[in-house]
C-alpha atoms as a PDB file:
ATOM      1  CA  ILE A   1     -13.350 -11.053  -7.145  1.00  0.00           C
ATOM      2  CA  ALA A   2     -14.725 -12.311 -10.191  1.00  0.00           C
ATOM      3  CA  GLU A   3     -13.557  -9.037 -12.618  1.00  0.00           C
ATOM      4  CA  TYR A   4     -10.210  -8.894 -10.966  1.00  0.00           C
ATOM      5  CA  ARG A   5      -9.562 -12.942 -11.460  1.00  0.00           C
ATOM      6  CA  GLU A   6     -10.609 -12.623 -14.997  1.00  0.00           C
ATOM      7  CA  LEU A   7      -8.244  -9.220 -15.487  1.00  0.00           C
ATOM      8  CA  ILE A   8      -5.706 -11.879 -14.126  1.00  0.00           C
ATOM      9  CA  GLN A   9      -6.214 -15.066 -16.156  1.00  0.00           C
ATOM     10  CA  LYS A  10      -6.462 -12.508 -19.343  1.00  0.00           C
ATOM     11  CA  THR A  11      -2.892 -11.340 -18.374  1.00  0.00           C
ATOM     12  CA  SER A  12      -0.030 -13.010 -20.352  1.00  0.00           C
ATOM     13  CA  PRO A  13       2.133 -15.092 -18.855  1.00  0.00           C
ATOM     14  CA  ARG A  14       4.885 -13.007 -20.225  1.00  0.00           C
ATOM     15  CA  THR A  15       3.792  -9.974 -18.610  1.00  0.00           C
ATOM     16  CA  ILE A  16       3.250 -11.540 -15.230  1.00  0.00           C
ATOM     17  CA  ALA A  17       6.802 -12.468 -15.459  1.00  0.00           C
ATOM     18  CA  ALA A  18       8.107  -9.209 -16.314  1.00  0.00           C
ATOM     19  CA  ALA A  19       6.254  -7.705 -13.645  1.00  0.00           C
ATOM     20  CA  ALA A  20       7.481 -10.155 -11.464  1.00  0.00           C
ATOM     21  CA  LEU A  21      10.929  -9.668 -12.229  1.00  0.00           C
ATOM     22  CA  ALA A  22      10.799  -5.768 -12.017  1.00  0.00           C
ATOM     23  CA  LEU A  23       9.430  -6.283  -8.164  1.00  0.00           C
ATOM     24  CA  GLY A  24      12.420  -8.443  -7.575  1.00  0.00           C
ATOM     25  CA  SER A  25      15.027  -6.278  -8.989  1.00  0.00           C
ATOM     26  CA  ARG A  26      13.778  -3.294  -6.896  1.00  0.00           C
ATOM     27  CA  PRO A  27      16.642  -1.757  -4.712  1.00  0.00           C
ATOM     28  CA  ASP A  28      15.758  -2.078  -1.036  1.00  0.00           C
ATOM     29  CA  VAL A  29      14.954   1.772  -0.393  1.00  0.00           C
ATOM     30  CA  THR A  30      13.811   1.499   3.496  1.00  0.00           C
ATOM     31  CA  SER A  31      17.130   3.039   4.547  1.00  0.00           C
ATOM     32  CA  ASP A  32      16.344   6.093   3.064  1.00  0.00           C
ATOM     33  CA  LEU A  33      12.724   6.561   4.487  1.00  0.00           C
ATOM     34  CA  GLU A  34      14.232   9.181   7.064  1.00  0.00           C
ATOM     35  CA  GLN A  35      15.084  11.736   3.597  1.00  0.00           C
ATOM     36  CA  ILE A  36      11.235  11.710   2.974  1.00  0.00           C
ATOM     37  CA  HIS A  37       9.729  15.085   4.392  1.00  0.00           C
ATOM     38  CA  VAL A  38       6.453  15.226   2.690  1.00  0.00           C
ATOM     39  CA  PRO A  39       3.009  14.038   4.397  1.00  0.00           C
ATOM     40  CA  THR A  40       3.349  10.056   3.396  1.00  0.00           C
ATOM     41  CA  LEU A  41       0.538   7.745   4.371  1.00  0.00           C
ATOM     42  CA  CYS A  42       0.948   4.402   4.740  1.00  0.00           C
ATOM     43  CA  ILE A  43      -2.148   1.765   4.645  1.00  0.00           C
ATOM     44  CA  ALA A  44      -2.296  -1.564   4.706  1.00  0.00           C
ATOM     45  CA  GLY A  45      -4.962  -4.465   5.082  1.00  0.00           C
ATOM     46  CA  SER A  46      -5.110  -6.021   8.859  1.00  0.00           C
ATOM     47  CA  ASP A  47      -4.960  -9.320   6.690  1.00  0.00           C
ATOM     48  CA  ASP A  48      -2.151  -8.261   3.957  1.00  0.00           C
ATOM     49  CA  GLU A  49       0.507 -10.895   3.751  1.00  0.00           C
ATOM     50  CA  ILE A  50       2.556  -9.143   0.950  1.00  0.00           C
ATOM     51  CA  SER A  51       2.983  -5.808   2.758  1.00  0.00           C
ATOM     52  CA  PRO A  52       2.007  -6.732   6.367  1.00  0.00           C
ATOM     53  CA  PRO A  53       0.674  -4.039   8.829  1.00  0.00           C
ATOM     54  CA  ALA A  54       3.771  -4.560  11.399  1.00  0.00           C
ATOM     55  CA  GLU A  55       6.202  -3.921   8.486  1.00  0.00           C
ATOM     56  CA  MET A  56       3.942  -0.278   7.221  1.00  0.00           C
ATOM     57  CA  LEU A  57       4.066   0.545  10.797  1.00  0.00           C
ATOM     58  CA  VAL A  58       7.640   0.779  10.969  1.00  0.00           C
ATOM     59  CA  TRP A  59       7.777   2.194   7.589  1.00  0.00           C
ATOM     60  CA  SER A  60       5.701   5.043   9.054  1.00  0.00           C
ATOM     61  CA  ALA A  61       7.949   5.499  12.366  1.00  0.00           C
ATOM     62  CA  GLU A  62      10.792   5.952  10.166  1.00  0.00           C
ATOM     63  CA  LEU A  63       8.990   8.554   7.810  1.00  0.00           C
ATOM     64  CA  PRO A  64       9.274  11.918   9.548  1.00  0.00           C
ATOM     65  CA  ARG A  65       5.796  12.940   8.613  1.00  0.00           C
ATOM     66  CA  GLY A  66       4.478   9.576   8.215  1.00  0.00           C
ATOM     67  CA  ARG A  67       1.236   8.227   9.428  1.00  0.00           C
ATOM     68  CA  PHE A  68      -0.091   4.433   9.497  1.00  0.00           C
ATOM     69  CA  VAL A  69      -3.637   3.158   9.215  1.00  0.00           C
ATOM     70  CA  GLU A  70      -4.810   0.009   9.103  1.00  0.00           C
ATOM     71  CA  ILE A  71      -7.808  -1.146   7.235  1.00  0.00           C
ATOM     72  CA  PRO A  72      -9.653  -4.024   8.892  1.00  0.00           C
ATOM     73  CA  SER A  73     -10.934  -7.139   7.027  1.00  0.00           C
ATOM     74  CA  ALA A  74      -8.850  -6.068   4.043  1.00  0.00           C
ATOM     75  CA  GLY A  75      -5.746  -7.960   2.468  1.00  0.00           C
ATOM     76  CA  HIS A  76      -3.203  -6.471  -0.183  1.00  0.00           C
ATOM     77  CA  MET A  77      -5.707  -5.181  -2.135  1.00  0.00           C
ATOM     78  CA  SER A  78      -7.561  -2.591   0.275  1.00  0.00           C
ATOM     79  CA  PRO A  79      -8.660  -0.190  -1.682  1.00  0.00           C
ATOM     80  CA  VAL A  80     -10.754  -2.656  -3.486  1.00  0.00           C
ATOM     81  CA  GLU A  81     -11.263  -4.848  -0.905  1.00  0.00           C
ATOM     82  CA  GLN A  82     -12.856  -1.858   1.570  1.00  0.00           C
ATOM     83  CA  PRO A  83     -12.986   1.203  -0.891  1.00  0.00           C
ATOM     84  CA  GLU A  84     -15.374   2.944   1.980  1.00  0.00           C
ATOM     85  CA  SER A  85     -12.720   2.796   4.863  1.00  0.00           C
ATOM     86  CA  PHE A  86      -9.986   3.229   1.973  1.00  0.00           C
ATOM     87  CA  ALA A  87     -11.477   6.161   0.889  1.00  0.00           C
ATOM     88  CA  ALA A  88     -11.906   7.514   4.694  1.00  0.00           C
ATOM     89  CA  ALA A  89      -8.584   6.949   5.714  1.00  0.00           C
ATOM     90  CA  VAL A  90      -7.230   8.783   2.813  1.00  0.00           C
ATOM     91  CA  ASN A  91      -9.609  11.616   3.051  1.00  0.00           C
ATOM     92  CA  THR A  92      -9.061  11.993   6.765  1.00  0.00           C
ATOM     93  CA  TRP A  93      -5.137  11.975   6.462  1.00  0.00           C
ATOM     94  CA  ALA A  94      -5.574  14.539   3.358  1.00  0.00           C
ATOM     95  CA  GLU A  95      -7.518  17.015   5.534  1.00  0.00           C
ATOM     96  CA  GLU A  96      -5.315  16.608   8.822  1.00  0.00           C
ATOM     97  CA  SER A  97      -2.078  17.062   6.476  1.00  0.00           C
ATOM     98  CA  GLU A  98      -3.654  20.299   5.486  1.00  0.00           C
ATOM     99  CA  LEU A  99      -3.316  18.884   1.740  1.00  0.00           C
ATOM    100  CA  ILE A 100      -7.122  19.435   0.896  1.00  0.00           C
END
């Protein structure tokens, strides 16, 4: 946490503002999910308030080859908060999808 706090505190306000503007201007492409025909893994931390598990579950259901995994005891940064669980989920999905 301290490492990420330091990284955020070192980031210039201009950079943060530019990132916020870019995120805010992204088009909503959720209506196009059914056109994605590659294996797709949707991951959400159980405590993620930015991309909540319920939303990721819906997205994965709309993807023809989608799968959803919820990472327990994690928020929006599940790869950092629960790296072992995150890696296991990705590895299992990749093996079952015959990607590795």
